[in-house]
């Protein structure tokens, strides 16, 4: 093989190295203890500066957008960075600035479409402000929520949005000066920015809709928690019964722990023992489980029984008949939370803000007159 003049390396090696540099890696020719081949390494600011004929500090100012750099040098450095595929070292930048452009988001259930849509709304606003987000799920467990909070502290996240399941995570973050916004429910022991739904109104309208159809035995399916969202929905249900002149029957109220493995069995028992003519399921998961039980038993909606859900997720409009539901403005819920967080991260010293968004009852085919 022909050698290149003065360097003693094959021409083919130069061609391979050049190709790899164009893809954003540089080559280390020092073998490790168990390897003899070259190892690709990321392109650095020093590589950019050397290629463009500037100092590393000039390259840093040009690519970060901070500090003066002549327009010609900035253009040349940007072109070189794009050609070599340079990617900034976010970890190094975080250590230097003691903060990052990544905001933390902690939600209760990554598999629930409600939380996915909520995160989408958060991401839209953060992206417009040149922030990114990292989403963690805590499985509705307070210990996992605290672990997520500590992860974001280690990352030096400037702010965190969470659907809280306990009070400890918020306290851990606030003690370190991290901005926190609670969304969907409020649990913080100290005043904290929050965005929530008027859960009581949504549940009241759902229950009044059933009462208005002549239902007097209306069951409530809810989650057994101390969350403000669940408490608000139960209160709305009770208020609607009182307004309709229907006596509250605790035997028609089924509150189920978050991770209960026997949810459908409890719904079966409710149908056998109490024989409701209408069911208000206070979240989309319980509505789906109730729908499955009714379908399995051959009960027709709405001829035999009526069903109202909370959270308008995709499946509810796809089944026949479609499910009457309390629709939440979930995307806007996320957007509002992100806007509040950005204000707080910018140094706002205003008192904590609580924004309350309004739900809407969407009447579909799963509800009708009470059976005779």
Protein backbone atom coordinates (compact mmCIF):
# COMPACT_ATOMS: atom_id res chain seq x y z
CA UNK A 1 0.00 0.00 0.00
CA UNK A 2 1.32 3.47 -0.86
CA UNK A 3 2.30 5.69 2.05
CA UNK A 4 1.39 9.37 2.42
CA UNK A 5 4.38 11.67 2.38
CA UNK A 6 5.87 12.58 5.72
CA UNK A 7 3.23 10.90 7.95
CA UNK A 8 3.74 7.20 7.37
CA UNK A 9 -0.02 6.45 7.35
CA UNK A 10 -2.07 4.79 4.61
CA UNK A 11 -4.08 7.16 2.41
CA UNK A 12 -7.13 5.00 3.14
CA UNK A 13 -6.82 5.88 6.85
CA UNK A 14 -7.04 9.58 6.00
CA UNK A 15 -10.18 8.99 3.94
CA UNK A 16 -11.86 7.00 6.75
CA UNK A 17 -10.91 9.60 9.36
CA UNK A 18 -12.21 12.44 7.20
CA UNK A 19 -15.51 10.65 6.72
CA UNK A 20 -15.88 10.08 10.42
CA UNK A 21 -15.08 13.71 11.17
CA UNK A 22 -17.86 14.73 8.84
CA UNK A 23 -20.24 12.53 10.86
CA UNK A 24 -19.33 14.27 14.14
CA UNK A 25 -16.58 12.04 15.60
CA UNK A 26 -12.83 12.31 15.86
CA UNK A 27 -10.43 9.42 16.17
CA UNK A 28 -8.33 8.43 19.14
CA UNK A 29 -5.40 6.27 18.00
CA UNK A 30 -4.30 5.36 21.52
CA UNK A 31 -5.49 1.76 22.11
CA UNK A 32 -7.07 0.77 25.38
CA UNK A 33 -5.94 -2.24 27.40
CA UNK A 34 -8.18 -4.63 25.45
CA UNK A 35 -8.32 -3.01 22.04
CA UNK A 36 -5.97 -2.25 19.19
CA UNK A 37 -8.27 -0.37 16.78
CA UNK A 38 -9.13 3.32 16.72
CA UNK A 39 -12.07 4.55 18.82
CA UNK A 40 -14.41 7.33 17.62
CA UNK A 41 -14.76 10.31 19.98
CA UNK A 42 -17.10 13.32 19.84
CA UNK A 43 -15.99 16.48 18.06
CA UNK A 44 -14.90 19.13 20.60
CA UNK A 45 -14.73 22.92 20.59
CA UNK A 46 -10.96 22.57 20.16
CA UNK A 47 -11.53 20.59 16.95
CA UNK A 48 -13.91 23.29 15.65
CA UNK A 49 -11.51 26.08 16.54
CA UNK A 50 -8.54 24.34 14.93
CA UNK A 51 -10.47 23.67 11.74
CA UNK A 52 -11.77 27.26 11.57
CA UNK A 53 -8.47 28.87 12.55
CA UNK A 54 -9.71 30.54 15.76
CA UNK A 55 -9.20 30.11 19.49
CA UNK A 56 -11.35 27.72 21.51
CA UNK A 57 -12.80 30.65 23.48
CA UNK A 58 -13.91 32.34 20.25
CA UNK A 59 -15.53 29.09 19.13
CA UNK A 60 -17.31 28.81 22.47
CA UNK A 61 -18.71 32.34 22.26
CA UNK A 62 -19.82 31.86 18.67
CA UNK A 63 -21.62 28.56 19.23
CA UNK A 64 -23.17 29.45 22.59
CA UNK A 65 -24.42 32.84 21.43
CA UNK A 66 -22.85 34.59 24.43
CA UNK A 67 -20.16 37.24 24.00
CA UNK A 68 -18.84 39.16 21.02
CA UNK A 69 -17.61 37.40 17.88
CA UNK A 70 -17.24 39.02 14.47
CA UNK A 71 -19.95 38.03 12.00
CA UNK A 72 -17.44 36.45 9.61
CA UNK A 73 -15.88 34.33 12.37
CA UNK A 74 -19.31 33.31 13.69
CA UNK A 75 -20.41 32.23 10.22
CA UNK A 76 -17.18 30.30 9.61
CA UNK A 77 -17.35 28.53 12.98
CA UNK A 78 -21.03 27.65 12.51
CA UNK A 79 -20.33 26.16 9.10
CA UNK A 80 -17.45 24.10 10.46
CA UNK A 81 -19.57 22.89 13.41
CA UNK A 82 -22.36 21.80 11.08
CA UNK A 83 -19.96 20.08 8.71
CA UNK A 84 -18.27 18.11 11.50
CA UNK A 85 -21.55 17.36 13.28
CA UNK A 86 -20.64 19.10 16.53
CA UNK A 87 -22.97 18.45 19.50
CA UNK A 88 -22.52 20.68 22.61
CA UNK A 89 -21.56 18.91 25.83
CA UNK A 90 -24.64 19.59 27.96
CA UNK A 91 -23.06 18.09 31.09
CA UNK A 92 -20.05 20.39 30.89
CA UNK A 93 -22.28 23.40 30.29
CA UNK A 94 -24.46 22.47 33.27
CA UNK A 95 -21.42 22.20 35.55
CA UNK A 96 -20.12 25.56 34.39
CA UNK A 97 -23.42 27.44 34.64
CA UNK A 98 -24.73 25.45 37.66
CA UNK A 99 -28.07 25.02 35.92
CA UNK A 100 -29.41 23.39 32.77
CA UNK A 101 -31.97 23.91 30.02
CA UNK A 102 -33.76 20.68 30.96
CA UNK A 103 -36.94 20.88 33.02
CA UNK A 104 -38.16 17.87 34.99
CA UNK A 105 -41.68 16.46 34.67
CA UNK A 106 -42.95 13.77 37.04
CA UNK A 107 -46.30 12.09 36.27
CA UNK A 108 -48.22 9.34 37.98
CA UNK A 109 -48.73 6.88 35.11
CA UNK A 110 -46.73 6.88 31.88
CA UNK A 111 -49.19 4.42 30.36
CA UNK A 112 -52.22 6.67 30.85
CA UNK A 113 -53.14 8.80 27.83
CA UNK A 114 -54.16 11.70 30.09
CA UNK A 115 -50.59 12.12 31.33
CA UNK A 116 -49.16 11.75 27.84
CA UNK A 117 -51.36 14.59 26.60
CA UNK A 118 -50.49 16.66 29.66
CA UNK A 119 -46.77 16.22 28.95
CA UNK A 120 -47.33 17.18 25.31
CA UNK A 121 -48.82 20.49 26.40
CA UNK A 122 -45.90 21.12 28.75
CA UNK A 123 -43.41 20.30 26.00
CA UNK A 124 -44.99 22.71 23.52
CA UNK A 125 -44.45 25.74 25.76
CA UNK A 126 -41.01 24.69 26.98
CA UNK A 127 -39.79 24.12 23.43
CA UNK A 128 -40.84 27.62 22.43
CA UNK A 129 -38.73 28.95 25.30
CA UNK A 130 -35.72 26.85 24.24
CA UNK A 131 -36.07 24.37 27.10
CA UNK A 132 -36.31 20.61 26.91
CA UNK A 133 -38.07 18.30 29.32
CA UNK A 134 -37.32 14.93 30.84
CA UNK A 135 -40.39 12.93 31.88
CA UNK A 136 -40.32 10.38 34.71
CA UNK A 137 -43.14 8.19 35.98
CA UNK A 138 -43.60 7.56 39.72
CA UNK A 139 -46.33 4.87 39.49
CA UNK A 140 -48.33 6.90 42.03
CA UNK A 141 -45.73 6.02 44.69
CA UNK A 142 -44.42 8.80 46.95
CA UNK A 143 -40.99 7.16 47.32
CA UNK A 144 -40.53 7.00 43.55
CA UNK A 145 -41.62 10.63 43.28
CA UNK A 146 -38.92 11.66 45.76
CA UNK A 147 -36.35 9.62 43.83
CA UNK A 148 -37.36 11.48 40.67
CA UNK A 149 -36.98 14.81 42.46
CA UNK A 150 -33.45 13.86 43.56
CA UNK A 151 -32.62 12.86 39.99
CA UNK A 152 -33.59 16.32 38.78
CA UNK A 153 -31.57 17.93 41.57
CA UNK A 154 -28.52 15.97 40.43
CA UNK A 155 -29.15 17.22 36.88
CA UNK A 156 -29.42 20.80 38.20
CA UNK A 157 -32.84 21.20 36.62
CA UNK A 158 -34.06 24.78 37.20
CA UNK A 159 -37.67 23.69 37.60
CA UNK A 160 -39.96 20.69 37.95
CA UNK A 161 -43.63 20.11 37.09
CA UNK A 162 -45.33 17.24 38.87
CA UNK A 163 -48.67 15.55 39.38
CA UNK A 164 -48.00 15.09 43.10
CA UNK A 165 -48.72 11.94 45.06
CA UNK A 166 -47.13 13.17 48.30
CA UNK A 167 -45.63 16.27 49.91
CA UNK A 168 -41.99 15.22 50.35
CA UNK A 169 -40.83 15.64 46.74
CA UNK A 170 -42.01 19.25 46.53
CA UNK A 171 -40.31 20.05 49.84
CA UNK A 172 -37.04 18.45 48.70
CA UNK A 173 -37.02 20.55 45.52
CA UNK A 174 -38.08 23.83 47.10
CA UNK A 175 -35.44 23.46 49.83
CA UNK A 176 -32.82 23.56 47.07
CA UNK A 177 -34.32 26.59 45.36
CA UNK A 178 -35.88 24.66 42.47
CA UNK A 179 -39.11 26.09 41.06
CA UNK A 180 -42.06 23.69 41.37
CA UNK A 181 -45.50 23.70 39.77
CA UNK A 182 -48.13 21.14 40.77
CA UNK A 183 -50.58 20.16 38.06
CA UNK A 184 -53.88 18.23 38.10
CA UNK A 185 -53.93 18.23 41.92
CA UNK A 186 -52.47 20.08 44.91
CA UNK A 187 -50.68 18.43 47.81
CA UNK A 188 -47.83 20.77 48.78
CA UNK A 189 -47.63 21.57 52.48
CA UNK A 190 -46.48 25.14 51.72
CA UNK A 191 -48.00 27.52 49.13
CA UNK A 192 -46.97 26.46 45.63
CA UNK A 193 -47.85 27.37 42.04
CA UNK A 194 -50.47 24.99 40.64
CA UNK A 195 -52.84 24.39 37.73
CA UNK A 196 -55.92 22.27 38.35
CA UNK A 197 -59.33 21.44 36.94
CA UNK A 198 -62.58 22.38 38.65
CA UNK A 199 -63.12 18.73 39.55
CA UNK A 200 -66.13 19.40 41.74
CA UNK A 201 -67.97 21.14 38.91
CA UNK A 202 -67.15 18.38 36.42
CA UNK A 203 -68.42 15.64 38.75
CA UNK A 204 -71.50 17.66 39.67
CA UNK A 205 -72.49 18.12 36.02
CA UNK A 206 -71.90 14.44 35.24
CA UNK A 207 -74.06 13.29 38.14
CA UNK A 208 -76.77 15.89 37.44
CA UNK A 209 -76.90 14.66 33.85
CA UNK A 210 -77.70 11.15 35.10
CA UNK A 211 -80.21 12.46 37.63
CA UNK A 212 -81.84 14.49 34.89
CA UNK A 213 -82.40 11.26 32.94
CA UNK A 214 -84.39 9.86 35.85
CA UNK A 215 -81.62 7.84 37.53
CA UNK A 216 -81.94 7.62 41.31
CA UNK A 217 -79.43 4.83 41.96
CA UNK A 218 -76.23 6.41 40.71
CA UNK A 219 -72.98 4.69 41.65
CA UNK A 220 -69.68 6.48 42.11
CA UNK A 221 -66.38 4.78 41.16
CA UNK A 222 -63.35 6.66 42.49
CA UNK A 223 -59.79 6.23 43.68
CA UNK A 224 -59.04 5.87 47.37
CA UNK A 225 -56.49 8.67 47.83
CA UNK A 226 -56.16 11.99 49.64
CA UNK A 227 -55.58 13.80 46.34
CA UNK A 228 -57.56 17.00 45.82
CA UNK A 229 -58.71 15.77 42.40
CA UNK A 230 -60.41 12.67 43.82
CA UNK A 231 -61.86 14.54 46.80
CA UNK A 232 -63.28 17.20 44.49
CA UNK A 233 -64.99 14.64 42.27
CA UNK A 234 -66.60 12.87 45.24
CA UNK A 235 -67.79 16.22 46.62
CA UNK A 236 -69.27 17.12 43.24
CA UNK A 237 -71.13 13.80 43.12
CA UNK A 238 -72.60 14.33 46.60
CA UNK A 239 -73.60 17.92 45.83
CA UNK A 240 -75.40 16.82 42.67
CA UNK A 241 -77.37 14.16 44.57
CA UNK A 242 -78.38 16.72 47.16
CA UNK A 243 -79.43 19.22 44.49
CA UNK A 244 -81.51 16.51 42.77
CA UNK A 245 -83.19 15.45 46.04
CA UNK A 246 -81.58 12.00 45.97
CA UNK A 247 -80.44 10.51 49.26
CA UNK A 248 -76.72 9.77 49.50
CA UNK A 249 -76.13 6.01 49.77
CA UNK A 250 -72.58 5.13 50.82
CA UNK A 251 -73.11 1.60 49.52
CA UNK A 252 -73.19 3.01 45.99
CA UNK A 253 -69.77 4.62 46.48
CA UNK A 254 -66.81 2.38 45.61
CA UNK A 255 -63.36 3.87 46.25
CA UNK A 256 -60.58 1.65 44.98
CA UNK A 257 -56.85 1.81 45.85
CA UNK A 258 -54.58 2.90 43.00
CA UNK A 259 -52.91 -0.46 42.39
CA UNK A 260 -55.78 -2.73 43.43
CA UNK A 261 -55.64 -6.00 41.44
CA UNK A 262 -59.36 -6.70 41.99
CA UNK A 263 -60.90 -3.52 40.56
CA UNK A 264 -63.17 -5.35 38.13
CA UNK A 265 -64.27 -7.78 40.83
CA UNK A 266 -65.32 -4.83 42.98
CA UNK A 267 -67.33 -3.42 40.09
CA UNK A 268 -68.95 -6.85 39.62
CA UNK A 269 -69.93 -6.87 43.31
CA UNK A 270 -71.39 -3.38 43.01
CA UNK A 271 -73.62 -4.51 40.14
CA UNK A 272 -74.71 -7.67 41.95
CA UNK A 273 -75.35 -6.14 45.38
CA UNK A 274 -76.56 -2.60 44.67
CA UNK A 275 -77.91 -2.74 41.10
CA UNK A 276 -77.27 0.88 40.08
CA UNK A 277 -78.97 2.21 36.95
CA UNK A 278 -76.17 4.70 36.30
CA UNK A 279 -72.44 4.79 37.00
CA UNK A 280 -70.16 7.81 37.26
CA UNK A 281 -66.54 6.64 36.88
CA UNK A 282 -64.27 9.39 38.17
CA UNK A 283 -61.30 8.75 35.87
CA UNK A 284 -60.64 7.23 32.47
CA UNK A 285 -59.09 4.02 33.83
CA UNK A 286 -62.09 3.22 36.01
CA UNK A 287 -64.43 4.08 33.15
CA UNK A 288 -62.64 1.57 30.93
CA UNK A 289 -62.76 -1.14 33.58
CA UNK A 290 -66.46 -0.51 34.19
CA UNK A 291 -67.13 -0.64 30.43
CA UNK A 292 -65.34 -4.00 30.20
CA UNK A 293 -67.38 -5.45 33.06
CA UNK A 294 -70.67 -4.24 31.57
CA UNK A 295 -69.75 -5.63 28.17
CA UNK A 296 -68.74 -8.98 29.65
CA UNK A 297 -72.06 -9.25 31.47
CA UNK A 298 -74.03 -8.40 28.34
CA UNK A 299 -75.48 -5.19 29.77
CA UNK A 300 -76.45 -2.73 27.06
CA UNK A 301 -75.56 0.96 27.12
CA UNK A 302 -77.76 2.89 27.69
CA UNK A 303 -80.83 0.57 27.66
CA UNK A 304 -79.82 -1.45 30.74
CA UNK A 305 -77.43 0.95 32.47
CA UNK A 306 -75.82 4.35 31.80
CA UNK A 307 -72.12 5.18 32.12
CA UNK A 308 -70.33 8.52 32.43
CA UNK A 309 -66.53 8.83 32.53
CA UNK A 310 -64.01 11.52 33.44
CA UNK A 311 -61.13 12.39 31.03
CA UNK A 312 -61.97 12.13 27.34
CA UNK A 313 -59.38 9.69 26.00
CA UNK A 314 -59.38 8.20 22.51
CA UNK A 315 -61.16 4.88 23.13
CA UNK A 316 -64.24 6.63 24.54
CA UNK A 317 -65.15 8.04 21.16
CA UNK A 318 -64.34 4.84 19.28
CA UNK A 319 -66.64 2.34 20.99
CA UNK A 320 -70.33 2.00 20.16
CA UNK A 321 -72.11 3.66 21.77
CA UNK A 322 -69.49 6.32 22.54
CA UNK A 323 -69.02 7.24 26.19
CA UNK A 324 -70.51 10.35 27.77
CA UNK A 325 -67.59 12.03 29.52
CA UNK A 326 -66.33 15.02 31.45
CA UNK A 327 -63.73 16.44 29.09
CA UNK A 328 -60.68 18.14 30.56
CA UNK A 329 -58.64 20.72 28.61
CA UNK A 330 -55.60 18.52 29.17
CA UNK A 331 -53.25 20.13 26.64
CA UNK A 332 -54.01 23.57 28.05
CA UNK A 333 -53.50 22.21 31.56
CA UNK A 334 -49.93 21.31 30.56
CA UNK A 335 -49.36 24.60 28.74
CA UNK A 336 -50.49 26.64 31.73
CA UNK A 337 -48.23 24.67 34.06
CA UNK A 338 -45.24 25.28 31.80
CA UNK A 339 -45.98 29.01 31.55
CA UNK A 340 -46.20 29.29 35.34
CA UNK A 341 -42.91 27.44 35.71
CA UNK A 342 -41.13 29.69 33.21
CA UNK A 343 -42.35 32.76 35.09
CA UNK A 344 -41.09 31.36 38.38
CA UNK A 345 -37.72 30.33 36.87
CA UNK A 346 -37.30 33.86 35.49
CA UNK A 347 -37.16 35.15 39.06
CA UNK A 348 -40.78 36.09 39.69
CA UNK A 349 -41.36 36.96 43.35
CA UNK A 350 -45.15 37.17 43.07
CA UNK A 351 -47.20 35.08 45.52
CA UNK A 352 -47.95 31.50 44.39
CA UNK A 353 -50.61 31.30 41.69
CA UNK A 354 -53.33 28.66 41.41
CA UNK A 355 -55.07 28.53 38.03
CA UNK A 356 -58.36 26.66 37.77
CA UNK A 357 -59.47 25.47 34.32
CA UNK A 358 -63.03 24.46 33.51
CA UNK A 359 -64.11 20.99 32.29
CA UNK A 360 -66.96 20.34 29.84
CA UNK A 361 -69.59 17.61 29.81
CA UNK A 362 -69.71 15.83 26.43
CA UNK A 363 -72.96 13.89 26.09
CA UNK A 364 -72.79 10.77 23.91
CA UNK A 365 -74.65 7.52 23.50
CA UNK A 366 -73.73 5.73 26.73
CA UNK A 367 -76.32 7.63 28.79
CA UNK A 368 -80.09 7.60 28.49
CA UNK A 369 -83.29 7.39 30.53
CA UNK A 370 -83.28 5.14 33.57
CA UNK A 371 -84.78 1.70 32.80
CA UNK A 372 -88.31 1.21 34.04
